[in-house]
Protein backbone atom coordinates (compact mmCIF):
# COMPACT_ATOMS: atom_id res chain seq x y z
CA MET A 1 -9.38 30.09 -8.76
CA GLN A 2 -5.83 30.28 -10.08
CA PHE A 3 -4.43 30.12 -6.30
CA PHE A 4 -5.94 26.99 -5.58
CA CYS A 5 -5.00 25.29 -9.01
CA TRP A 6 -1.51 26.27 -8.97
CA ALA A 7 -1.01 25.40 -5.30
CA ALA A 8 -2.42 22.08 -5.78
CA PHE A 9 -0.03 21.29 -8.62
CA LEU A 10 3.02 22.54 -6.63
CA TYR A 11 2.09 19.98 -4.08
CA MET A 12 2.00 17.36 -6.67
CA TRP A 13 5.51 18.30 -7.95
CA THR A 14 6.80 18.44 -4.45
CA TYR A 15 5.07 15.44 -2.64
CA SER A 16 4.45 12.71 -5.37
CA GLY A 17 7.91 11.01 -4.65
CA GLY A 18 7.23 10.62 -0.88
CA THR A 19 3.58 9.77 -1.27
CA LEU A 20 4.58 6.77 -3.94
CA ALA A 21 7.27 5.79 -1.68
CA PHE A 22 5.22 5.28 1.32
CA ASN A 23 1.99 4.18 -0.40
CA CYS A 24 3.39 1.77 -3.04
CA TRP A 25 6.74 0.97 -1.84
CA GLY A 26 6.01 -0.34 1.58
CA GLY A 27 5.91 2.73 3.73
CA GLU A 28 9.37 3.76 2.89
CA THR A 29 10.25 6.90 4.29
CA ASP A 30 14.16 6.94 4.15
CA THR A 31 15.00 9.17 1.01
CA ALA A 32 18.39 7.34 0.87
CA SER A 33 17.09 3.89 0.38
CA ARG A 34 16.79 1.82 -2.88
CA ALA A 35 13.04 1.66 -2.61
CA TYR A 36 12.44 5.65 -2.05
CA GLN A 37 14.66 5.96 -5.23
CA ASP A 38 12.72 3.53 -7.14
CA ALA A 39 9.59 5.49 -6.11
CA GLY A 40 11.45 8.78 -7.25
CA ASN A 41 11.92 7.12 -10.67
CA TRP A 42 8.27 5.97 -10.84
CA VAL A 43 7.17 9.80 -10.53
CA GLY A 44 8.94 10.14 -14.10
CA VAL A 45 6.60 7.48 -15.26
CA ALA A 46 3.40 8.92 -13.60
CA PHE A 47 4.12 12.45 -14.80
CA ALA A 48 4.52 10.97 -18.18
CA VAL A 49 1.32 9.11 -17.84
CA GLN A 50 -0.13 12.81 -16.86
CA ALA A 51 1.03 14.24 -20.04
CA VAL A 52 -0.83 11.72 -22.11
CA GLY A 53 -3.90 12.27 -20.12
CA SER A 54 -3.39 15.74 -20.67
CA ILE A 55 -2.86 15.69 -24.42
CA LEU A 56 -5.96 13.30 -24.68
CA TRP A 57 -8.27 15.61 -22.51
CA ALA A 58 -7.14 18.57 -24.64
CA LEU A 59 -8.83 17.03 -27.42
CA VAL A 60 -12.12 16.71 -25.33
CA ILE A 61 -12.22 20.27 -24.21
CA PRO A 62 -13.24 21.92 -27.24
CA ARG A 63 -16.33 19.54 -27.48
CA PHE A 64 -17.73 21.22 -24.47
CA ARG A 65 -20.16 24.31 -25.41
CA ASN A 66 -19.44 26.09 -22.14
CA LEU A 67 -15.84 27.00 -21.41
CA LYS A 68 -16.72 27.16 -17.76
CA THR A 69 -18.28 23.80 -17.52
CA ALA A 70 -15.29 22.63 -19.25
CA TYR A 71 -12.93 24.15 -16.75
CA VAL A 72 -14.99 22.92 -13.89
CA VAL A 73 -15.23 19.32 -15.17
CA SER A 74 -11.57 19.19 -15.86
CA LEU A 75 -10.80 20.36 -12.43
CA LEU A 76 -13.07 18.17 -10.66
CA ILE A 77 -11.50 15.10 -12.77
CA GLY A 78 -8.05 16.21 -11.68
CA ALA A 79 -9.28 16.60 -7.90
CA ALA A 80 -10.39 12.88 -8.11
CA GLY A 81 -7.12 11.91 -9.30
CA PHE A 82 -5.20 13.87 -6.61
CA ALA A 83 -7.51 12.66 -3.87
CA SER A 84 -7.44 9.07 -5.02
CA LEU A 85 -3.60 8.94 -4.50
CA PHE A 86 -4.25 9.13 -0.66
CA PHE A 87 -5.71 5.60 -0.84
CA ILE A 88 -3.90 3.89 -3.61
CA HIS A 89 -1.10 1.51 -2.91
CA ASP A 90 -0.38 0.03 -6.23
CA LYS A 91 2.20 1.91 -8.55
CA PHE A 92 0.13 1.01 -11.82
CA ILE A 93 -3.26 2.00 -10.26
CA ALA A 94 -1.43 5.30 -9.27
CA CYS A 95 -0.56 5.82 -12.79
CA GLY A 96 -4.42 6.15 -13.52
CA ALA A 97 -4.64 8.74 -10.96
CA TYR A 98 -2.00 10.87 -12.65
CA PHE A 99 -3.84 10.29 -16.06
CA LEU A 100 -6.97 11.87 -14.38
CA ILE A 101 -4.75 14.78 -13.02
CA GLY A 102 -3.84 15.27 -16.61
CA ALA A 103 -7.30 16.72 -17.27
CA ALA A 104 -6.90 19.37 -14.77
CA TRP A 105 -3.62 20.32 -16.28
CA ALA A 106 -4.57 20.57 -19.87
CA ALA A 107 -7.67 22.91 -18.70
CA MET A 108 -5.34 24.98 -16.37
CA LEU A 109 -2.95 25.63 -19.52
CA ALA A 110 -5.45 27.03 -21.60
CA LEU A 111 -8.95 28.04 -20.21
CA PRO A 112 -8.10 30.77 -17.83
CA PHE A 113 -6.22 32.86 -20.59
CA THR A 114 -9.33 32.05 -22.73
CA LEU A 115 -11.99 33.23 -20.25
CA LEU A 116 -9.72 36.17 -19.30
CA THR A 117 -9.59 37.33 -22.92
CA ASN A 118 -13.06 36.73 -23.39
CA ALA A 119 -13.92 38.93 -20.34
CA LEU A 120 -11.51 41.68 -21.92
CA GLU A 121 -12.68 41.65 -25.46
CA GLY A 122 -12.10 45.08 -27.08
CA SER A 123 -10.09 46.39 -24.06
CA PRO A 124 -7.11 48.69 -25.11
CA TYR A 125 -5.18 47.13 -21.96
CA MET A 126 -5.56 43.37 -22.90
CA GLY A 127 -1.81 42.96 -23.06
CA SER A 128 -1.27 44.50 -19.78
CA TYR A 129 -3.85 42.49 -18.11
CA LEU A 130 -2.57 39.32 -19.50
CA GLY A 131 1.01 40.14 -18.45
CA LEU A 132 -0.36 40.68 -15.10
CA PHE A 133 -2.49 37.57 -15.05
CA ASN A 134 0.81 35.69 -15.28
CA CYS A 135 1.20 36.69 -11.35
CA THR A 136 -1.64 34.31 -10.63
CA ILE A 137 0.71 31.61 -11.65
CA CYS A 138 3.63 32.46 -9.69
CA LEU A 139 2.39 33.79 -6.50
CA PRO A 140 0.20 31.00 -5.71
CA GLN A 141 3.19 28.74 -5.89
CA ILE A 142 5.24 31.08 -3.81
CA VAL A 143 2.69 30.97 -1.21
CA ALA A 144 2.14 27.29 -1.43
CA ALA A 145 5.92 26.43 -1.20
CA ALA A 146 6.35 29.20 1.87
CA THR A 147 3.41 27.52 3.82
CA GLY A 148 3.67 23.81 2.67
CA GLY A 149 5.66 22.80 5.88
CA PHE A 150 3.03 24.15 8.06
CA VAL A 151 0.23 22.43 5.86
CA LEU A 152 2.32 18.95 5.81
CA LYS A 153 2.09 19.37 9.75
CA LEU A 154 -1.62 19.75 9.60
CA VAL A 155 -2.22 16.97 7.07
CA GLY A 156 0.45 14.63 8.84
CA SER A 157 1.73 13.05 5.42
CA GLN A 158 2.84 13.68 2.14
CA ALA A 159 -0.01 11.71 0.62
CA GLY A 160 -2.29 13.92 2.82
CA MET A 161 -0.56 16.78 0.72
CA LEU A 162 -2.17 15.15 -2.40
CA LEU A 163 -5.33 15.04 -0.78
CA THR A 164 -5.37 18.44 0.18
CA ALA A 165 -4.37 19.14 -3.63
CA GLY A 166 -7.67 17.42 -4.36
CA VAL A 167 -9.38 19.62 -2.15
CA PHE A 168 -7.80 22.81 -3.55
CA LEU A 169 -8.93 21.78 -7.11
CA CYS A 170 -12.56 21.52 -5.96
CA ILE A 171 -12.29 24.99 -4.41
CA GLY A 172 -10.83 26.20 -7.56
CA ALA A 173 -13.74 24.63 -9.53
CA ALA A 174 -16.21 26.40 -7.01
CA CYS A 175 -14.58 29.63 -8.02
CA VAL A 176 -14.92 29.42 -11.68
CA ARG A 177 -18.62 30.41 -11.26
CA LEU A 178 -17.42 33.78 -10.16
CA ILE A 179 -15.81 34.63 -13.54
CA GLU A 180 -17.58 37.00 -15.51
CA THR A 181 -17.37 37.40 -19.28
CA LYS A 182 -18.94 39.35 -21.80
CA HIS A 183 -20.06 36.18 -23.55
CA GLN A 184 -21.62 33.39 -22.22
CA ASN A 185 -18.96 30.58 -21.87
């Protein structure tokens, strides 16, 4: 679950600029061009919109009765945002996709740790397990970075990398059901 979620976000951080330049700035691929630089500046706007989406979705998450359901729904909303960026050719509509991605981000920052602590409730080694759990944030990004060039060749475009990120979030959502906790979450 963690692998696919964090790999997806590494792809977002890496390929958003190129995706927006190509899709929303007329197929621009020259990184030195003014249009590509404008697209890069717009990534900052898109990430700000993602942050707002994350904050607002964080207010919704506690309303779910089941934490696993909240996580699955959050990841699927984020997956829809990622996948839609493959098809979007307007920078303002792209911001709507980043708003959706914010739902996954809000959930990823809180729910895995909550699910883990619920699963470990009463364990004298909880601190050690939580420390080791942080590796599930770093290692997926290292693997995704190391294999990103190969994946980029397979999918053929930076926008394809964001579509891949959407697929990764769907796989992550499917993996949530594998989590076992002592309490029904």
